[in-house]
């Protein structure tokens, strides 16, 4: 189904389906990127072994994947920064800073 035209949804869609689509696909790229920063943060916490991996039901550690998630969160923050309110900027910078500090700690614990 092509939703790129921006037109009305198909007539068989319910209001709930439309609401779900609007939540899943923000109207602008900056909103999407804003949601990706915390998503990468969640992945970083999982791969640092700081929280249970919900797919495996146990704590796992993959520092290569954790580093990638932290780096991507930082890069996304840099790109979306001009579109953030002061409050959003402060919160997201704090999240990325905490991820970086915890990654360094996890690396030391692993002997790296």
PDB file of N, CA and C in Angstrom:
ATOM      1  N   UNK A   1       0.841  -1.158   0.000  1.00  0.00           N
ATOM      2  CA  UNK A   1       0.000   0.000   0.000  1.00  0.00           C
ATOM      3  C   UNK A   1       0.897   1.235   0.000  1.00  0.00           C
ATOM      4  N   UNK A   2       0.610   2.175  -0.866  1.00  0.00           N
ATOM      5  CA  UNK A   2       1.418   3.383  -0.989  1.00  0.00           C
ATOM      6  C   UNK A   2       0.828   4.486  -0.128  1.00  0.00           C
ATOM      7  N   UNK A   3       1.533   4.806   0.967  1.00  0.00           N
ATOM      8  CA  UNK A   3       1.076   5.873   1.859  1.00  0.00           C
ATOM      9  C   UNK A   3       1.817   7.171   1.581  1.00  0.00           C
ATOM     10  N   UNK A   4       2.700   7.154   0.574  1.00  0.00           N
ATOM     11  CA  UNK A   4       3.548   8.320   0.322  1.00  0.00           C
ATOM     12  C   UNK A   4       2.793   9.488  -0.292  1.00  0.00           C
ATOM     13  N   UNK A   5       1.625   9.247  -0.863  1.00  0.00           N
ATOM     14  CA  UNK A   5       0.895  10.324  -1.517  1.00  0.00           C
ATOM     15  C   UNK A   5       0.327  11.326  -0.528  1.00  0.00           C
ATOM     16  N   UNK A   6       0.216  10.918   0.744  1.00  0.00           N
ATOM     17  CA  UNK A   6      -0.318  11.825   1.751  1.00  0.00           C
ATOM     18  C   UNK A   6      -1.827  11.960   1.686  1.00  0.00           C
ATOM     19  N   UNK A   7      -2.470  11.160   0.876  1.00  0.00           N
ATOM     20  CA  UNK A   7      -3.915  11.227   0.736  1.00  0.00           C
ATOM     21  C   UNK A   7      -4.626  10.540   1.875  1.00  0.00           C
ATOM     22  N   UNK A   8      -5.912  10.423   1.725  1.00  0.00           N
ATOM     23  CA  UNK A   8      -6.739   9.790   2.751  1.00  0.00           C
ATOM     24  C   UNK A   8      -6.458   8.293   2.786  1.00  0.00           C
ATOM     25  N   UNK A   9      -6.622   7.675   3.949  1.00  0.00           N
ATOM     26  CA  UNK A   9      -6.417   6.232   4.056  1.00  0.00           C
ATOM     27  C   UNK A   9      -7.519   5.490   3.313  1.00  0.00           C
ATOM     28  N   UNK A  10      -7.280   4.228   3.000  1.00  0.00           N
ATOM     29  CA  UNK A  10      -8.318   3.433   2.332  1.00  0.00           C
ATOM     30  C   UNK A  10      -9.600   3.423   3.150  1.00  0.00           C
ATOM     31  N   UNK A  11     -10.743   3.353   2.515  1.00  0.00           N
ATOM     32  CA  UNK A  11     -12.022   3.440   3.229  1.00  0.00           C
ATOM     33  C   UNK A  11     -12.263   2.303   4.209  1.00  0.00           C
ATOM     34  N   UNK A  12     -11.526   1.190   4.084  1.00  0.00           N
ATOM     35  CA  UNK A  12     -11.741   0.062   4.991  1.00  0.00           C
ATOM     36  C   UNK A  12     -10.992   0.223   6.311  1.00  0.00           C
ATOM     37  N   UNK A  13     -10.172   1.250   6.418  1.00  0.00           N
ATOM     38  CA  UNK A  13      -9.414   1.470   7.648  1.00  0.00           C
ATOM     39  C   UNK A  13     -10.324   1.982   8.754  1.00  0.00           C
ATOM     40  N   UNK A  14     -10.084   1.486   9.948  1.00  0.00           N
ATOM     41  CA  UNK A  14     -10.811   1.990  11.111  1.00  0.00           C
ATOM     42  C   UNK A  14     -10.049   3.182  11.676  1.00  0.00           C
ATOM     43  N   UNK A  15     -10.677   3.909  12.547  1.00  0.00           N
ATOM     44  CA  UNK A  15     -10.018   5.048  13.197  1.00  0.00           C
ATOM     45  C   UNK A  15      -8.807   4.581  13.995  1.00  0.00           C
ATOM     46  N   UNK A  16      -8.914   3.389  14.611  1.00  0.00           N
ATOM     47  CA  UNK A  16      -7.794   2.850  15.383  1.00  0.00           C
ATOM     48  C   UNK A  16      -6.608   2.533  14.481  1.00  0.00           C
ATOM     49  N   UNK A  17      -6.884   1.992  13.298  1.00  0.00           N
ATOM     50  CA  UNK A  17      -5.815   1.678  12.355  1.00  0.00           C
ATOM     51  C   UNK A  17      -5.123   2.955  11.900  1.00  0.00           C
ATOM     52  N   UNK A  18      -5.892   3.995  11.634  1.00  0.00           N
ATOM     53  CA  UNK A  18      -5.322   5.269  11.212  1.00  0.00           C
ATOM     54  C   UNK A  18      -4.457   5.857  12.323  1.00  0.00           C
ATOM     55  N   UNK A  19      -4.934   5.795  13.554  1.00  0.00           N
ATOM     56  CA  UNK A  19      -4.180   6.329  14.690  1.00  0.00           C
ATOM     57  C   UNK A  19      -2.861   5.564  14.856  1.00  0.00           C
ATOM     58  N   UNK A  20      -2.909   4.253  14.714  1.00  0.00           N
ATOM     59  CA  UNK A  20      -1.698   3.438  14.826  1.00  0.00           C
ATOM     60  C   UNK A  20      -0.693   3.786  13.735  1.00  0.00           C
ATOM     61  N   UNK A  21      -1.162   3.993  12.510  1.00  0.00           N
ATOM     62  CA  UNK A  21      -0.272   4.360  11.409  1.00  0.00           C
ATOM     63  C   UNK A  21       0.353   5.729  11.648  1.00  0.00           C
ATOM     64  N   UNK A  22      -0.429   6.669  12.142  1.00  0.00           N
ATOM     65  CA  UNK A  22       0.102   8.009  12.412  1.00  0.00           C
ATOM     66  C   UNK A  22       1.155   7.967  13.511  1.00  0.00           C
ATOM     67  N   UNK A  23       0.973   7.094  14.499  1.00  0.00           N
ATOM     68  CA  UNK A  23       1.963   6.961  15.565  1.00  0.00           C
ATOM     69  C   UNK A  23       3.239   6.294  15.058  1.00  0.00           C
ATOM     70  N   UNK A  24       3.073   5.321  14.168  1.00  0.00           N
ATOM     71  CA  UNK A  24       4.227   4.583  13.653  1.00  0.00           C
ATOM     72  C   UNK A  24       5.025   5.375  12.626  1.00  0.00           C
ATOM     73  N   UNK A  25       4.360   6.251  11.899  1.00  0.00           N
ATOM     74  CA  UNK A  25       5.010   7.011  10.836  1.00  0.00           C
ATOM     75  C   UNK A  25       4.798   8.505  11.055  1.00  0.00           C
ATOM     76  N   UNK A  26       5.715   9.130  11.814  1.00  0.00           N
ATOM     77  CA  UNK A  26       5.575  10.569  12.070  1.00  0.00           C
ATOM     78  C   UNK A  26       5.518  11.362  10.771  1.00  0.00           C
ATOM     79  N   UNK A  27       4.930  12.526  10.842  1.00  0.00           N
ATOM     80  CA  UNK A  27       4.739  13.363   9.656  1.00  0.00           C
ATOM     81  C   UNK A  27       6.010  14.041   9.172  1.00  0.00           C
ATOM     82  N   UNK A  28       7.039  14.105  10.019  1.00  0.00           N
ATOM     83  CA  UNK A  28       8.288  14.720   9.576  1.00  0.00           C
ATOM     84  C   UNK A  28       9.476  13.890  10.054  1.00  0.00           C
ATOM     85  N   UNK A  29      10.584  14.066   9.382  1.00  0.00           N
ATOM     86  CA  UNK A  29      11.773  13.272   9.654  1.00  0.00           C
ATOM     87  C   UNK A  29      12.344  13.573  11.037  1.00  0.00           C
ATOM     88  N   UNK A  30      12.316  14.832  11.458  1.00  0.00           N
ATOM     89  CA  UNK A  30      12.887  15.152  12.771  1.00  0.00           C
ATOM     90  C   UNK A  30      12.158  14.413  13.891  1.00  0.00           C
ATOM     91  N   UNK A  31      10.853  14.245  13.766  1.00  0.00           N
ATOM     92  CA  UNK A  31      10.102  13.492  14.779  1.00  0.00           C
ATOM     93  C   UNK A  31      10.518  12.028  14.786  1.00  0.00           C
ATOM     94  N   UNK A  32      10.740  11.478  13.613  1.00  0.00           N
ATOM     95  CA  UNK A  32      11.186  10.091  13.517  1.00  0.00           C
ATOM     96  C   UNK A  32      12.559   9.935  14.157  1.00  0.00           C
ATOM     97  N   UNK A  33      13.480  10.839  13.838  1.00  0.00           N
ATOM     98  CA  UNK A  33      14.830  10.763  14.394  1.00  0.00           C
ATOM     99  C   UNK A  33      14.796  10.916  15.908  1.00  0.00           C
ATOM    100  N   UNK A  34      13.948  11.804  16.410  1.00  0.00           N
ATOM    101  CA  UNK A  34      13.818  11.977  17.862  1.00  0.00           C
ATOM    102  C   UNK A  34      13.435  10.658  18.529  1.00  0.00           C
ATOM    103  N   UNK A  35      12.618   9.856  17.871  1.00  0.00           N
ATOM    104  CA  UNK A  35      12.210   8.575  18.451  1.00  0.00           C
ATOM    105  C   UNK A  35      13.301   7.518  18.320  1.00  0.00           C
ATOM    106  N   UNK A  36      14.195   7.684  17.352  1.00  0.00           N
ATOM    107  CA  UNK A  36      15.259   6.698  17.150  1.00  0.00           C
ATOM    108  C   UNK A  36      16.370   6.812  18.192  1.00  0.00           C
ATOM    109  N   UNK A  37      16.600   7.998  18.718  1.00  0.00           N
ATOM    110  CA  UNK A  37      17.664   8.168  19.721  1.00  0.00           C
ATOM    111  C   UNK A  37      17.385   7.289  20.946  1.00  0.00           C
ATOM    112  N   UNK A  38      16.195   7.366  21.559  1.00  0.00           N
ATOM    113  CA  UNK A  38      15.941   6.474  22.697  1.00  0.00           C
ATOM    114  C   UNK A  38      15.906   4.996  22.297  1.00  0.00           C
ATOM    115  N   UNK A  39      15.493   4.708  21.068  1.00  0.00           N
ATOM    116  CA  UNK A  39      15.481   3.321  20.605  1.00  0.00           C
ATOM    117  C   UNK A  39      16.908   2.769  20.570  1.00  0.00           C
ATOM    118  N   UNK A  40      17.849   3.550  20.056  1.00  0.00           N
ATOM    119  CA  UNK A  40      19.247   3.129  20.040  1.00  0.00           C
ATOM    120  C   UNK A  40      19.768   3.015  21.463  1.00  0.00           C
ATOM    121  N   UNK A  41      19.313   3.912  22.338  1.00  0.00           N
ATOM    122  CA  UNK A  41      19.707   3.828  23.741  1.00  0.00           C
ATOM    123  C   UNK A  41      19.264   2.529  24.380  1.00  0.00           C
ATOM    124  N   UNK A  42      18.056   2.117  24.107  1.00  0.00           N
ATOM    125  CA  UNK A  42      17.548   0.848  24.643  1.00  0.00           C
ATOM    126  C   UNK A  42      18.391  -0.320  24.160  1.00  0.00           C
ATOM    127  N   UNK A  43      18.734  -0.305  22.899  1.00  0.00           N
ATOM    128  CA  UNK A  43      19.569  -1.372  22.352  1.00  0.00           C
ATOM    129  C   UNK A  43      20.949  -1.370  22.996  1.00  0.00           C
ATOM    130  N   UNK A  44      21.497  -0.179  23.215  1.00  0.00           N
ATOM    131  CA  UNK A  44      22.812  -0.089  23.847  1.00  0.00           C
ATOM    132  C   UNK A  44      22.778  -0.692  25.246  1.00  0.00           C
ATOM    133  N   UNK A  45      21.747  -0.364  26.033  1.00  0.00           N
ATOM    134  CA  UNK A  45      21.648  -0.911  27.389  1.00  0.00           C
ATOM    135  C   UNK A  45      21.596  -2.435  27.343  1.00  0.00           C
ATOM    136  N   UNK A  46      20.835  -2.967  26.402  1.00  0.00           N
ATOM    137  CA  UNK A  46      20.724  -4.428  26.269  1.00  0.00           C
ATOM    138  C   UNK A  46      22.087  -5.022  25.944  1.00  0.00           C
ATOM    139  N   UNK A  47      22.771  -4.464  24.937  1.00  0.00           N
ATOM    140  CA  UNK A  47      24.040  -5.038  24.496  1.00  0.00           C
ATOM    141  C   UNK A  47      25.184  -4.778  25.469  1.00  0.00           C
ATOM    142  N   UNK A  48      25.050  -3.779  26.339  1.00  0.00           N
ATOM    143  CA  UNK A  48      26.054  -3.581  27.391  1.00  0.00           C
ATOM    144  C   UNK A  48      25.856  -4.582  28.519  1.00  0.00           C
ATOM    145  N   UNK A  49      24.745  -5.314  28.480  1.00  0.00           N
ATOM    146  CA  UNK A  49      24.464  -6.274  29.533  1.00  0.00           C
ATOM    147  C   UNK A  49      23.901  -5.621  30.782  1.00  0.00           C
ATOM    148  N   UNK A  50      23.329  -4.439  30.623  1.00  0.00           N
ATOM    149  CA  UNK A  50      22.790  -3.693  31.768  1.00  0.00           C
ATOM    150  C   UNK A  50      21.327  -4.029  32.046  1.00  0.00           C
ATOM    151  N   UNK A  51      20.634  -4.558  31.041  1.00  0.00           N
ATOM    152  CA  UNK A  51      19.231  -4.965  31.197  1.00  0.00           C
ATOM    153  C   UNK A  51      19.026  -6.302  30.484  1.00  0.00           C
ATOM    154  N   UNK A  52      17.954  -6.964  30.819  1.00  0.00           N
ATOM    155  CA  UNK A  52      17.638  -8.256  30.208  1.00  0.00           C
ATOM    156  C   UNK A  52      17.316  -8.066  28.728  1.00  0.00           C
ATOM    157  N   UNK A  53      17.884  -8.933  27.910  1.00  0.00           N
ATOM    158  CA  UNK A  53      17.562  -8.963  26.483  1.00  0.00           C
ATOM    159  C   UNK A  53      16.179  -9.590  26.355  1.00  0.00           C
ATOM    160  N   UNK A  54      15.167  -8.826  25.929  1.00  0.00           N
ATOM    161  CA  UNK A  54      13.797  -9.354  25.909  1.00  0.00           C
ATOM    162  C   UNK A  54      13.605 -10.507  24.925  1.00  0.00           C
ATOM    163  N   UNK A  55      14.437 -10.608  23.917  1.00  0.00           N
ATOM    164  CA  UNK A  55      14.308 -11.709  22.957  1.00  0.00           C
ATOM    165  C   UNK A  55      14.886 -13.006  23.496  1.00  0.00           C
ATOM    166  N   UNK A  56      15.877 -12.895  24.387  1.00  0.00           N
ATOM    167  CA  UNK A  56      16.518 -14.085  24.946  1.00  0.00           C
ATOM    168  C   UNK A  56      16.102 -14.368  26.379  1.00  0.00           C
ATOM    169  N   UNK A  57      15.475 -13.386  27.022  1.00  0.00           N
ATOM    170  CA  UNK A  57      15.026 -13.575  28.395  1.00  0.00           C
ATOM    171  C   UNK A  57      16.157 -13.625  29.404  1.00  0.00           C
ATOM    172  N   UNK A  58      17.325 -13.119  29.018  1.00  0.00           N
ATOM    173  CA  UNK A  58      18.464 -13.113  29.942  1.00  0.00           C
ATOM    174  C   UNK A  58      19.372 -11.947  29.599  1.00  0.00           C
ATOM    175  N   UNK A  59      20.289 -11.659  30.503  1.00  0.00           N
ATOM    176  CA  UNK A  59      21.267 -10.600  30.271  1.00  0.00           C
ATOM    177  C   UNK A  59      22.328 -11.131  29.324  1.00  0.00           C
ATOM    178  N   UNK A  60      22.596 -10.372  28.285  1.00  0.00           N
ATOM    179  CA  UNK A  60      23.635 -10.743  27.322  1.00  0.00           C
ATOM    180  C   UNK A  60      24.553  -9.544  27.141  1.00  0.00           C
ATOM    181  N   UNK A  61      25.742  -9.796  26.624  1.00  0.00           N
ATOM    182  CA  UNK A  61      26.681  -8.697  26.408  1.00  0.00           C
ATOM    183  C   UNK A  61      27.321  -8.874  25.030  1.00  0.00           C
ATOM    184  N   UNK A  62      27.246  -7.812  24.243  1.00  0.00           N
ATOM    185  CA  UNK A  62      27.903  -7.746  22.940  1.00  0.00           C
ATOM    186  C   UNK A  62      28.370  -6.303  22.792  1.00  0.00           C
ATOM    187  N   UNK A  63      29.597  -6.045  23.220  1.00  0.00           N
ATOM    188  CA  UNK A  63      30.087  -4.676  23.273  1.00  0.00           C
ATOM    189  C   UNK A  63      30.265  -4.052  21.893  1.00  0.00           C
ATOM    190  N   UNK A  64      30.484  -4.865  20.877  1.00  0.00           N
ATOM    191  CA  UNK A  64      30.566  -4.312  19.518  1.00  0.00           C
ATOM    192  C   UNK A  64      29.224  -3.712  19.114  1.00  0.00           C
ATOM    193  N   UNK A  65      28.148  -4.436  19.392  1.00  0.00           N
ATOM    194  CA  UNK A  65      26.812  -3.926  19.084  1.00  0.00           C
ATOM    195  C   UNK A  65      26.458  -2.747  19.982  1.00  0.00           C
ATOM    196  N   UNK A  66      26.874  -2.806  21.245  1.00  0.00           N
ATOM    197  CA  UNK A  66      26.621  -1.698  22.167  1.00  0.00           C
ATOM    198  C   UNK A  66      27.308  -0.432  21.675  1.00  0.00           C
ATOM    199  N   UNK A  67      28.571  -0.564  21.240  1.00  0.00           N
ATOM    200  CA  UNK A  67      29.304   0.602  20.733  1.00  0.00           C
ATOM    201  C   UNK A  67      28.592   1.192  19.519  1.00  0.00           C
ATOM    202  N   UNK A  68      28.139   0.336  18.631  1.00  0.00           N
ATOM    203  CA  UNK A  68      27.425   0.815  17.445  1.00  0.00           C
ATOM    204  C   UNK A  68      26.163   1.576  17.847  1.00  0.00           C
ATOM    205  N   UNK A  69      25.396   1.030  18.769  1.00  0.00           N
ATOM    206  CA  UNK A  69      24.152   1.685  19.204  1.00  0.00           C
ATOM    207  C   UNK A  69      24.442   3.031  19.862  1.00  0.00           C
ATOM    208  N   UNK A  70      25.479   3.107  20.689  1.00  0.00           N
ATOM    209  CA  UNK A  70      25.845   4.367  21.348  1.00  0.00           C
ATOM    210  C   UNK A  70      26.295   5.383  20.301  1.00  0.00           C
ATOM    211  N   UNK A  71      27.136   4.947  19.370  1.00  0.00           N
ATOM    212  CA  UNK A  71      27.621   5.859  18.329  1.00  0.00           C
ATOM    213  C   UNK A  71      26.482   6.362  17.437  1.00  0.00           C
ATOM    214  N   UNK A  72      25.558   5.479  17.106  1.00  0.00           N
ATOM    215  CA  UNK A  72      24.420   5.886  16.271  1.00  0.00           C
ATOM    216  C   UNK A  72      23.526   6.862  17.040  1.00  0.00           C
ATOM    217  N   UNK A  73      23.289   6.608  18.318  1.00  0.00           N
ATOM    218  CA  UNK A  73      22.484   7.541  19.125  1.00  0.00           C
ATOM    219  C   UNK A  73      23.132   8.921  19.136  1.00  0.00           C
ATOM    220  N   UNK A  74      24.452   8.967  19.289  1.00  0.00           N
ATOM    221  CA  UNK A  74      25.165  10.241  19.278  1.00  0.00           C
ATOM    222  C   UNK A  74      25.081  10.941  17.932  1.00  0.00           C
ATOM    223  N   UNK A  75      25.240  10.173  16.855  1.00  0.00           N
ATOM    224  CA  UNK A  75      25.167  10.756  15.507  1.00  0.00           C
ATOM    225  C   UNK A  75      23.764  11.274  15.203  1.00  0.00           C
ATOM    226  N   UNK A  76      22.753  10.528  15.608  1.00  0.00           N
ATOM    227  CA  UNK A  76      21.370  10.970  15.397  1.00  0.00           C
ATOM    228  C   UNK A  76      21.098  12.250  16.178  1.00  0.00           C
ATOM    229  N   UNK A  77      21.603  12.309  17.400  1.00  0.00           N
ATOM    230  CA  UNK A  77      21.415  13.514  18.208  1.00  0.00           C
ATOM    231  C   UNK A  77      22.044  14.724  17.526  1.00  0.00           C
ATOM    232  N   UNK A  78      23.229  14.560  16.977  1.00  0.00           N
ATOM    233  CA  UNK A  78      23.878  15.674  16.264  1.00  0.00           C
ATOM    234  C   UNK A  78      23.011  16.163  15.107  1.00  0.00           C
ATOM    235  N   UNK A  79      22.425  15.239  14.375  1.00  0.00           N
ATOM    236  CA  UNK A  79      21.631  15.615  13.203  1.00  0.00           C
ATOM    237  C   UNK A  79      20.307  16.267  13.560  1.00  0.00           C
ATOM    238  N   UNK A  80      19.690  15.823  14.649  1.00  0.00           N
ATOM    239  CA  UNK A  80      18.367  16.333  15.007  1.00  0.00           C
ATOM    240  C   UNK A  80      18.455  17.548  15.941  1.00  0.00           C
ATOM    241  N   UNK A  81      19.643  17.835  16.459  1.00  0.00           N
ATOM    242  CA  UNK A  81      19.825  18.915  17.433  1.00  0.00           C
ATOM    243  C   UNK A  81      19.143  20.232  17.047  1.00  0.00           C
ATOM    244  N   UNK A  82      19.263  20.707  15.797  1.00  0.00           N
ATOM    245  CA  UNK A  82      18.619  21.983  15.454  1.00  0.00           C
ATOM    246  C   UNK A  82      17.089  21.974  15.560  1.00  0.00           C
ATOM    247  N   UNK A  83      16.499  20.809  15.607  1.00  0.00           N
ATOM    248  CA  UNK A  83      15.046  20.684  15.637  1.00  0.00           C
ATOM    249  C   UNK A  83      14.506  20.441  17.042  1.00  0.00           C
ATOM    250  N   UNK A  84      15.386  20.415  18.029  1.00  0.00           N
ATOM    251  CA  UNK A  84      14.982  20.113  19.400  1.00  0.00           C
ATOM    252  C   UNK A  84      14.676  21.373  20.189  1.00  0.00           C
ATOM    253  N   UNK A  85      13.733  21.248  21.104  1.00  0.00           N
ATOM    254  CA  UNK A  85      13.520  22.322  22.075  1.00  0.00           C
ATOM    255  C   UNK A  85      14.676  22.253  23.073  1.00  0.00           C
ATOM    256  N   UNK A  86      14.835  23.284  23.875  1.00  0.00           N
ATOM    257  CA  UNK A  86      15.906  23.280  24.879  1.00  0.00           C
ATOM    258  C   UNK A  86      15.761  22.094  25.831  1.00  0.00           C
ATOM    259  N   UNK A  87      14.536  21.813  26.231  1.00  0.00           N
ATOM    260  CA  UNK A  87      14.288  20.699  27.149  1.00  0.00           C
ATOM    261  C   UNK A  87      14.633  19.361  26.494  1.00  0.00           C
ATOM    262  N   UNK A  88      14.185  19.162  25.245  1.00  0.00           N
ATOM    263  CA  UNK A  88      14.500  17.921  24.529  1.00  0.00           C
ATOM    264  C   UNK A  88      16.009  17.763  24.362  1.00  0.00           C
ATOM    265  N   UNK A  89      16.670  18.856  24.004  1.00  0.00           N
ATOM    266  CA  UNK A  89      18.126  18.824  23.798  1.00  0.00           C
ATOM    267  C   UNK A  89      18.835  18.396  25.076  1.00  0.00           C
ATOM    268  N   UNK A  90      18.452  18.990  26.198  1.00  0.00           N
ATOM    269  CA  UNK A  90      19.068  18.650  27.487  1.00  0.00           C
ATOM    270  C   UNK A  90      18.845  17.179  27.820  1.00  0.00           C
ATOM    271  N   UNK A  91      17.613  16.709  27.647  1.00  0.00           N
ATOM    272  CA  UNK A  91      17.289  15.319  27.968  1.00  0.00           C
ATOM    273  C   UNK A  91      18.061  14.353  27.074  1.00  0.00           C
ATOM    274  N   UNK A  92      18.084  14.614  25.774  1.00  0.00           N
ATOM    275  CA  UNK A  92      18.757  13.691  24.856  1.00  0.00           C
ATOM    276  C   UNK A  92      20.270  13.709  25.042  1.00  0.00           C
ATOM    277  N   UNK A  93      20.822  14.879  25.318  1.00  0.00           N
ATOM    278  CA  UNK A  93      22.270  14.942  25.592  1.00  0.00           C
ATOM    279  C   UNK A  93      22.610  14.155  26.842  1.00  0.00           C
ATOM    280  N   UNK A  94      21.753  14.236  27.842  1.00  0.00           N
ATOM    281  CA  UNK A  94      21.974  13.479  29.068  1.00  0.00           C
ATOM    282  C   UNK A  94      21.919  11.982  28.792  1.00  0.00           C
ATOM    283  N   UNK A  95      20.952  11.554  27.992  1.00  0.00           N
ATOM    284  CA  UNK A  95      20.827  10.137  27.641  1.00  0.00           C
ATOM    285  C   UNK A  95      22.094   9.652  26.943  1.00  0.00           C
ATOM    286  N   UNK A  96      22.563  10.393  25.941  1.00  0.00           N
ATOM    287  CA  UNK A  96      23.749   9.980  25.187  1.00  0.00           C
ATOM    288  C   UNK A  96      24.981  10.000  26.087  1.00  0.00           C
ATOM    289  N   UNK A  97      25.094  10.990  26.947  1.00  0.00           N
ATOM    290  CA  UNK A  97      26.221  11.060  27.878  1.00  0.00           C
ATOM    291  C   UNK A  97      26.231   9.856  28.817  1.00  0.00           C
ATOM    292  N   UNK A  98      25.074   9.499  29.360  1.00  0.00           N
ATOM    293  CA  UNK A  98      24.978   8.332  30.238  1.00  0.00           C
ATOM    294  C   UNK A  98      25.312   7.050  29.490  1.00  0.00           C
ATOM    295  N   UNK A  99      24.875   6.954  28.251  1.00  0.00           N
ATOM    296  CA  UNK A  99      25.214   5.775  27.441  1.00  0.00           C
ATOM    297  C   UNK A  99      26.724   5.665  27.265  1.00  0.00           C
ATOM    298  N   UNK A 100      27.367   6.776  26.937  1.00  0.00           N
ATOM    299  CA  UNK A 100      28.819   6.764  26.724  1.00  0.00           C
ATOM    300  C   UNK A 100      29.558   6.379  28.003  1.00  0.00           C
ATOM    301  N   UNK A 101      29.160   6.952  29.132  1.00  0.00           N
ATOM    302  CA  UNK A 101      29.821   6.622  30.398  1.00  0.00           C
ATOM    303  C   UNK A 101      29.621   5.149  30.754  1.00  0.00           C
ATOM    304  N   UNK A 102      28.406   4.656  30.567  1.00  0.00           N
ATOM    305  CA  UNK A 102      28.136   3.257  30.886  1.00  0.00           C
ATOM    306  C   UNK A 102      28.829   2.309  29.923  1.00  0.00           C
ATOM    307  N   UNK A 103      28.994   2.731  28.670  1.00  0.00           N
ATOM    308  CA  UNK A 103      29.731   1.900  27.726  1.00  0.00           C
ATOM    309  C   UNK A 103      31.194   1.789  28.160  1.00  0.00           C
ATOM    310  N   UNK A 104      31.780   2.903  28.582  1.00  0.00           N
ATOM    311  CA  UNK A 104      33.171   2.868  29.051  1.00  0.00           C
ATOM    312  C   UNK A 104      33.301   1.941  30.255  1.00  0.00           C
ATOM    313  N   UNK A 105      32.348   2.005  31.160  1.00  0.00           N
ATOM    314  CA  UNK A 105      32.353   1.121  32.323  1.00  0.00           C
ATOM    315  C   UNK A 105      32.230  -0.350  31.910  1.00  0.00           C
ATOM    316  N   UNK A 106      31.313  -0.639  31.010  1.00  0.00           N
ATOM    317  CA  UNK A 106      31.127  -2.006  30.535  1.00  0.00           C
ATOM    318  C   UNK A 106      32.380  -2.518  29.830  1.00  0.00           C
ATOM    319  N   UNK A 107      33.056  -1.644  29.098  1.00  0.00           N
ATOM    320  CA  UNK A 107      34.300  -2.032  28.429  1.00  0.00           C
ATOM    321  C   UNK A 107      35.382  -2.351  29.432  1.00  0.00           C
ATOM    322  N   UNK A 108      35.498  -1.537  30.480  1.00  0.00           N
ATOM    323  CA  UNK A 108      36.493  -1.804  31.536  1.00  0.00           C
ATOM    324  C   UNK A 108      36.194  -3.127  32.236  1.00  0.00           C
ATOM    325  N   UNK A 109      34.905  -3.367  32.518  1.00  0.00           N
ATOM    326  CA  UNK A 109      34.519  -4.617  33.182  1.00  0.00           C
ATOM    327  C   UNK A 109      34.876  -5.827  32.336  1.00  0.00           C
ATOM    328  N   UNK A 110      34.798  -5.667  31.010  1.00  0.00           N
ATOM    329  CA  UNK A 110      35.094  -6.761  30.100  1.00  0.00           C
ATOM    330  C   UNK A 110      36.587  -6.873  29.808  1.00  0.00           C
ATOM    331  N   UNK A 111      37.371  -5.948  30.365  1.00  0.00           N
ATOM    332  CA  UNK A 111      38.807  -5.989  30.146  1.00  0.00           C
ATOM    333  C   UNK A 111      39.249  -5.300  28.893  1.00  0.00           C
ATOM    334  N   UNK A 112      38.376  -4.453  28.339  1.00  0.00           N
ATOM    335  CA  UNK A 112      38.716  -3.771  27.086  1.00  0.00           C
ATOM    336  C   UNK A 112      38.838  -2.343  27.308  1.00  0.00           C
TER     337      UNK A 112
END
